[in-house]
Amino acid sequence: MTHKPIKVVGIDPGLAGTGIAVVEGDARAVNRYSFGCVSTASTDSLPFRLDTIYTRISQFLSDQVPDLVVIEDIYSLDKYPGSGILLGKVSGVLLVAAFRAGVRVEEIAVREAKKIICGNGNADKFQMERSVRHFLNHPETIRPFHASDALGLAITGYFRYRKNDHDRIS
């Protein structure tokens, strides 16, 4: 039985740095992956920074044509509400970029991704990065953390998509 290839993009929203990653595989295993970060300068205006993120992510999605995009769900930052609002604005442009690319989108809470990848929903960024490297058998450190978080989200989406695809075939 041949298995349909699966391509999932993970995105970790951030105004200064939006992590982006793609994992590809079949029903058995991930066999290709890549990662990076879209950075913006704090000296630029907010609309310019959001446009930069939107434009680069839109182009990436157009180039990759994924089956699924997984975006980290923004949680309430009681201590730093201003940061939560900015992250919400970044998430908004990411959702629009995926929608315009015609790609199915899922928002996943970071705690859920950490639980799936690390076995601990309260794992820190170092634990997440190490677990992602271990899963992918990637020997070098993955930086920035936005990129390793995006890989964790992509892997989580890959597992979900693979399971749902398998359930439809069975």
C-alpha atoms as a PDB file:
ATOM      1  CA  MET A   1       0.000   0.000   0.000  1.00  0.00           C
ATOM      2  CA  THR A   2       1.428   3.370  -0.966  1.00  0.00           C
ATOM      3  CA  HIS A   3       1.001   6.186   1.461  1.00  0.00           C
ATOM      4  CA  LYS A   4       0.145   9.694   0.352  1.00  0.00           C
ATOM      5  CA  PRO A   5       2.908  12.165   1.216  1.00  0.00           C
ATOM      6  CA  ILE A   6       2.022  14.631   3.956  1.00  0.00           C
ATOM      7  CA  LYS A   7       3.409  18.175   4.187  1.00  0.00           C
ATOM      8  CA  VAL A   8       2.701  20.282   7.261  1.00  0.00           C
ATOM      9  CA  VAL A   9       3.860  23.828   8.003  1.00  0.00           C
ATOM     10  CA  GLY A  10       4.191  24.959  11.617  1.00  0.00           C
ATOM     11  CA  ILE A  11       4.258  28.640  12.548  1.00  0.00           C
ATOM     12  CA  ASP A  12       5.222  30.168  15.892  1.00  0.00           C
ATOM     13  CA  PRO A  13       3.906  33.767  15.797  1.00  0.00           C
ATOM     14  CA  GLY A  14       6.096  36.597  16.991  1.00  0.00           C
ATOM     15  CA  LEU A  15       6.499  40.215  15.978  1.00  0.00           C
ATOM     16  CA  ALA A  16      10.297  40.276  16.244  1.00  0.00           C
ATOM     17  CA  GLY A  17      10.623  36.694  15.026  1.00  0.00           C
ATOM     18  CA  THR A  18       8.022  34.356  13.546  1.00  0.00           C
ATOM     19  CA  GLY A  19       9.280  30.790  13.485  1.00  0.00           C
ATOM     20  CA  ILE A  20       8.381  28.718  10.457  1.00  0.00           C
ATOM     21  CA  ALA A  21       8.995  25.073   9.708  1.00  0.00           C
ATOM     22  CA  VAL A  22       7.868  22.380   7.313  1.00  0.00           C
ATOM     23  CA  VAL A  23       7.865  18.615   7.822  1.00  0.00           C
ATOM     24  CA  GLU A  24       7.176  16.096   5.084  1.00  0.00           C
ATOM     25  CA  GLY A  25       6.632  12.396   5.305  1.00  0.00           C
ATOM     26  CA  ASP A  26       4.226   9.579   4.726  1.00  0.00           C
ATOM     27  CA  ALA A  27       2.079   7.519   7.070  1.00  0.00           C
ATOM     28  CA  ARG A  28       5.214   5.916   8.505  1.00  0.00           C
ATOM     29  CA  ALA A  29       7.744   8.673   9.172  1.00  0.00           C
ATOM     30  CA  VAL A  30       8.933  12.226   8.636  1.00  0.00           C
ATOM     31  CA  ASN A  31      11.611  12.095   5.946  1.00  0.00           C
ATOM     32  CA  ARG A  32      12.275  15.806   5.210  1.00  0.00           C
ATOM     33  CA  TYR A  33      12.134  18.995   7.213  1.00  0.00           C
ATOM     34  CA  SER A  34      13.340  22.573   7.165  1.00  0.00           C
ATOM     35  CA  PHE A  35      13.036  25.560   9.453  1.00  0.00           C
ATOM     36  CA  GLY A  36      13.748  29.246   9.756  1.00  0.00           C
ATOM     37  CA  CYS A  37      12.498  32.537  11.048  1.00  0.00           C
ATOM     38  CA  VAL A  38      10.958  35.695   9.612  1.00  0.00           C
ATOM     39  CA  SER A  39      12.506  38.583  11.536  1.00  0.00           C
ATOM     40  CA  THR A  40      11.388  42.199  11.711  1.00  0.00           C
ATOM     41  CA  ALA A  41      13.147  45.234  13.141  1.00  0.00           C
ATOM     42  CA  SER A  42      11.711  47.008  16.173  1.00  0.00           C
ATOM     43  CA  THR A  43      12.613  50.317  14.509  1.00  0.00           C
ATOM     44  CA  ASP A  44      10.069  49.678  11.727  1.00  0.00           C
ATOM     45  CA  SER A  45       6.393  50.605  12.073  1.00  0.00           C
ATOM     46  CA  LEU A  46       3.893  47.965  13.191  1.00  0.00           C
ATOM     47  CA  PRO A  47       2.029  47.949   9.839  1.00  0.00           C
ATOM     48  CA  PHE A  48       5.331  47.488   7.969  1.00  0.00           C
ATOM     49  CA  ARG A  49       6.349  44.613  10.254  1.00  0.00           C
ATOM     50  CA  LEU A  50       2.968  42.882   9.886  1.00  0.00           C
ATOM     51  CA  ASP A  51       3.124  43.328   6.112  1.00  0.00           C
ATOM     52  CA  THR A  52       6.638  41.815   6.062  1.00  0.00           C
ATOM     53  CA  ILE A  53       5.438  38.762   8.006  1.00  0.00           C
ATOM     54  CA  TYR A  54       2.329  38.404   5.833  1.00  0.00           C
ATOM     55  CA  THR A  55       4.259  38.734   2.567  1.00  0.00           C
ATOM     56  CA  ARG A  56       7.031  36.293   3.495  1.00  0.00           C
ATOM     57  CA  ILE A  57       4.667  33.688   4.932  1.00  0.00           C
ATOM     58  CA  SER A  58       2.341  34.017   1.924  1.00  0.00           C
ATOM     59  CA  GLN A  59       5.269  33.404  -0.440  1.00  0.00           C
ATOM     60  CA  PHE A  60       6.468  30.462   1.664  1.00  0.00           C
ATOM     61  CA  LEU A  61       3.020  28.848   1.619  1.00  0.00           C
ATOM     62  CA  SER A  62       2.752  29.429  -2.126  1.00  0.00           C
ATOM     63  CA  ASP A  63       6.140  27.750  -2.649  1.00  0.00           C
ATOM     64  CA  GLN A  64       5.482  24.828  -0.278  1.00  0.00           C
ATOM     65  CA  VAL A  65       1.781  24.047  -0.976  1.00  0.00           C
ATOM     66  CA  PRO A  66       1.263  22.237   2.356  1.00  0.00           C
ATOM     67  CA  ASP A  67      -1.643  19.971   3.311  1.00  0.00           C
ATOM     68  CA  LEU A  68      -2.000  21.714   6.665  1.00  0.00           C
ATOM     69  CA  VAL A  69      -0.767  24.825   8.475  1.00  0.00           C
ATOM     70  CA  VAL A  70      -0.500  24.700  12.260  1.00  0.00           C
ATOM     71  CA  ILE A  71      -0.274  28.026  14.079  1.00  0.00           C
ATOM     72  CA  GLU A  72       0.410  28.331  17.785  1.00  0.00           C
ATOM     73  CA  ASP A  73      -2.806  29.436  19.445  1.00  0.00           C
ATOM     74  CA  ILE A  74      -2.367  32.693  21.322  1.00  0.00           C
ATOM     75  CA  TYR A  75      -3.076  32.370  24.994  1.00  0.00           C
ATOM     76  CA  SER A  76      -3.992  35.144  27.376  1.00  0.00           C
ATOM     77  CA  LEU A  77      -0.998  36.862  28.894  1.00  0.00           C
ATOM     78  CA  ASP A  78      -2.444  38.210  32.133  1.00  0.00           C
ATOM     79  CA  LYS A  79       0.906  39.672  33.151  1.00  0.00           C
ATOM     80  CA  TYR A  80       1.673  41.192  29.737  1.00  0.00           C
ATOM     81  CA  PRO A  81      -1.604  42.022  27.957  1.00  0.00           C
ATOM     82  CA  GLY A  82       0.183  44.287  25.467  1.00  0.00           C
ATOM     83  CA  SER A  83       2.264  41.340  24.250  1.00  0.00           C
ATOM     84  CA  GLY A  84      -0.896  39.257  23.884  1.00  0.00           C
ATOM     85  CA  ILE A  85      -2.473  41.942  21.709  1.00  0.00           C
ATOM     86  CA  LEU A  86       0.611  42.163  19.461  1.00  0.00           C
ATOM     87  CA  LEU A  87       0.740  38.367  19.130  1.00  0.00           C
ATOM     88  CA  GLY A  88      -2.944  38.431  18.219  1.00  0.00           C
ATOM     89  CA  LYS A  89      -2.199  40.873  15.406  1.00  0.00           C
ATOM     90  CA  VAL A  90       0.594  38.646  14.089  1.00  0.00           C
ATOM     91  CA  SER A  91      -1.677  35.579  14.313  1.00  0.00           C
ATOM     92  CA  GLY A  92      -4.332  37.465  12.380  1.00  0.00           C
ATOM     93  CA  VAL A  93      -2.054  38.100   9.402  1.00  0.00           C
ATOM     94  CA  LEU A  94      -0.867  34.472   9.531  1.00  0.00           C
ATOM     95  CA  LEU A  95      -4.449  33.192   9.457  1.00  0.00           C
ATOM     96  CA  VAL A  96      -5.233  35.427   6.479  1.00  0.00           C
ATOM     97  CA  ALA A  97      -2.087  34.262   4.652  1.00  0.00           C
ATOM     98  CA  ALA A  98      -3.049  30.590   5.111  1.00  0.00           C
ATOM     99  CA  PHE A  99      -6.663  31.292   4.147  1.00  0.00           C
ATOM    100  CA  ARG A 100      -5.622  33.086   0.955  1.00  0.00           C
ATOM    101  CA  ALA A 101      -3.258  30.213   0.133  1.00  0.00           C
ATOM    102  CA  GLY A 102      -6.249  27.865   0.353  1.00  0.00           C
ATOM    103  CA  VAL A 103      -4.660  25.739   3.067  1.00  0.00           C
ATOM    104  CA  ARG A 104      -6.456  24.144   6.005  1.00  0.00           C
ATOM    105  CA  VAL A 105      -5.377  25.788   9.264  1.00  0.00           C
ATOM    106  CA  GLU A 106      -5.394  24.514  12.831  1.00  0.00           C
ATOM    107  CA  GLU A 107      -4.471  26.505  15.885  1.00  0.00           C
ATOM    108  CA  ILE A 108      -2.844  24.412  18.580  1.00  0.00           C
ATOM    109  CA  ALA A 109      -2.104  25.504  22.135  1.00  0.00           C
ATOM    110  CA  VAL A 110       1.605  25.470  22.881  1.00  0.00           C
ATOM    111  CA  ARG A 111       0.934  23.312  25.972  1.00  0.00           C
ATOM    112  CA  GLU A 112      -0.612  20.643  23.757  1.00  0.00           C
ATOM    113  CA  ALA A 113       2.358  20.656  21.376  1.00  0.00           C
ATOM    114  CA  LYS A 114       4.779  20.466  24.313  1.00  0.00           C
ATOM    115  CA  LYS A 115       2.846  17.551  25.810  1.00  0.00           C
ATOM    116  CA  ILE A 116       2.938  15.646  22.507  1.00  0.00           C
ATOM    117  CA  ILE A 117       6.581  16.417  21.683  1.00  0.00           C
ATOM    118  CA  CYS A 118       8.137  16.450  25.171  1.00  0.00           C
ATOM    119  CA  GLY A 119       5.623  14.496  27.221  1.00  0.00           C
ATOM    120  CA  ASN A 120       5.250  17.575  29.442  1.00  0.00           C
ATOM    121  CA  GLY A 121       2.907  20.483  28.716  1.00  0.00           C
ATOM    122  CA  ASN A 122       5.048  22.722  30.925  1.00  0.00           C
ATOM    123  CA  ALA A 123       8.340  21.985  29.150  1.00  0.00           C
ATOM    124  CA  ASP A 124      10.604  24.982  28.650  1.00  0.00           C
ATOM    125  CA  LYS A 125      12.023  26.127  25.306  1.00  0.00           C
ATOM    126  CA  PHE A 126      15.269  24.172  25.846  1.00  0.00           C
ATOM    127  CA  GLN A 127      13.354  20.919  26.478  1.00  0.00           C
ATOM    128  CA  MET A 128      11.181  21.508  23.416  1.00  0.00           C
ATOM    129  CA  GLU A 129      14.204  22.174  21.216  1.00  0.00           C
ATOM    130  CA  ARG A 130      15.998  19.027  22.481  1.00  0.00           C
ATOM    131  CA  SER A 131      12.891  16.876  21.984  1.00  0.00           C
ATOM    132  CA  VAL A 132      12.386  18.182  18.432  1.00  0.00           C
ATOM    133  CA  ARG A 133      16.062  17.495  17.631  1.00  0.00           C
ATOM    134  CA  HIS A 134      15.771  13.997  19.090  1.00  0.00           C
ATOM    135  CA  PHE A 135      12.606  13.227  17.109  1.00  0.00           C
ATOM    136  CA  LEU A 136      14.166  14.425  13.842  1.00  0.00           C
ATOM    137  CA  ASN A 137      17.612  13.017  14.655  1.00  0.00           C
ATOM    138  CA  HIS A 138      18.968  16.522  13.999  1.00  0.00           C
ATOM    139  CA  PRO A 139      22.489  16.762  15.446  1.00  0.00           C
ATOM    140  CA  GLU A 140      22.891  20.559  15.731  1.00  0.00           C
ATOM    141  CA  THR A 141      21.177  23.024  18.018  1.00  0.00           C
ATOM    142  CA  ILE A 142      18.111  24.634  16.451  1.00  0.00           C
ATOM    143  CA  ARG A 143      17.999  28.391  16.901  1.00  0.00           C
ATOM    144  CA  PRO A 144      16.180  30.656  17.286  1.00  0.00           C
ATOM    145  CA  PHE A 145      13.713  28.961  19.615  1.00  0.00           C
ATOM    146  CA  HIS A 146      10.913  30.264  17.390  1.00  0.00           C
ATOM    147  CA  ALA A 147      12.159  27.826  14.730  1.00  0.00           C
ATOM    148  CA  SER A 148      12.258  24.818  17.068  1.00  0.00           C
ATOM    149  CA  ASP A 149       8.795  25.728  18.384  1.00  0.00           C
ATOM    150  CA  ALA A 150       7.544  25.915  14.780  1.00  0.00           C
ATOM    151  CA  LEU A 151       9.040  22.464  14.111  1.00  0.00           C
ATOM    152  CA  GLY A 152       7.261  21.146  17.226  1.00  0.00           C
ATOM    153  CA  LEU A 153       3.973  22.555  15.940  1.00  0.00           C
ATOM    154  CA  ALA A 154       4.566  21.072  12.467  1.00  0.00           C
ATOM    155  CA  ILE A 155       5.348  17.651  13.959  1.00  0.00           C
ATOM    156  CA  THR A 156       2.217  17.834  16.127  1.00  0.00           C
ATOM    157  CA  GLY A 157       0.147  18.717  13.052  1.00  0.00           C
ATOM    158  CA  TYR A 158       1.838  15.893  11.112  1.00  0.00           C
ATOM    159  CA  PHE A 159       0.768  13.348  13.757  1.00  0.00           C
ATOM    160  CA  ARG A 160      -2.788  14.701  13.739  1.00  0.00           C
ATOM    161  CA  TYR A 161      -3.031  14.770   9.942  1.00  0.00           C
ATOM    162  CA  ARG A 162      -1.495  11.312   9.636  1.00  0.00           C
ATOM    163  CA  LYS A 163      -3.956   9.899  12.173  1.00  0.00           C
ATOM    164  CA  ASN A 164      -6.967  11.574  10.527  1.00  0.00           C
ATOM    165  CA  ASP A 165      -5.833  10.481   7.051  1.00  0.00           C
ATOM    166  CA  HIS A 166      -5.364   6.915   8.318  1.00  0.00           C
ATOM    167  CA  ASP A 167      -8.814   6.962   9.961  1.00  0.00           C
ATOM    168  CA  ARG A 168     -10.388   7.984   6.618  1.00  0.00           C
ATOM    169  CA  ILE A 169      -8.583   5.184   4.728  1.00  0.00           C
ATOM    170  CA  SER A 170      -9.433   2.434   7.248  1.00  0.00           C
END
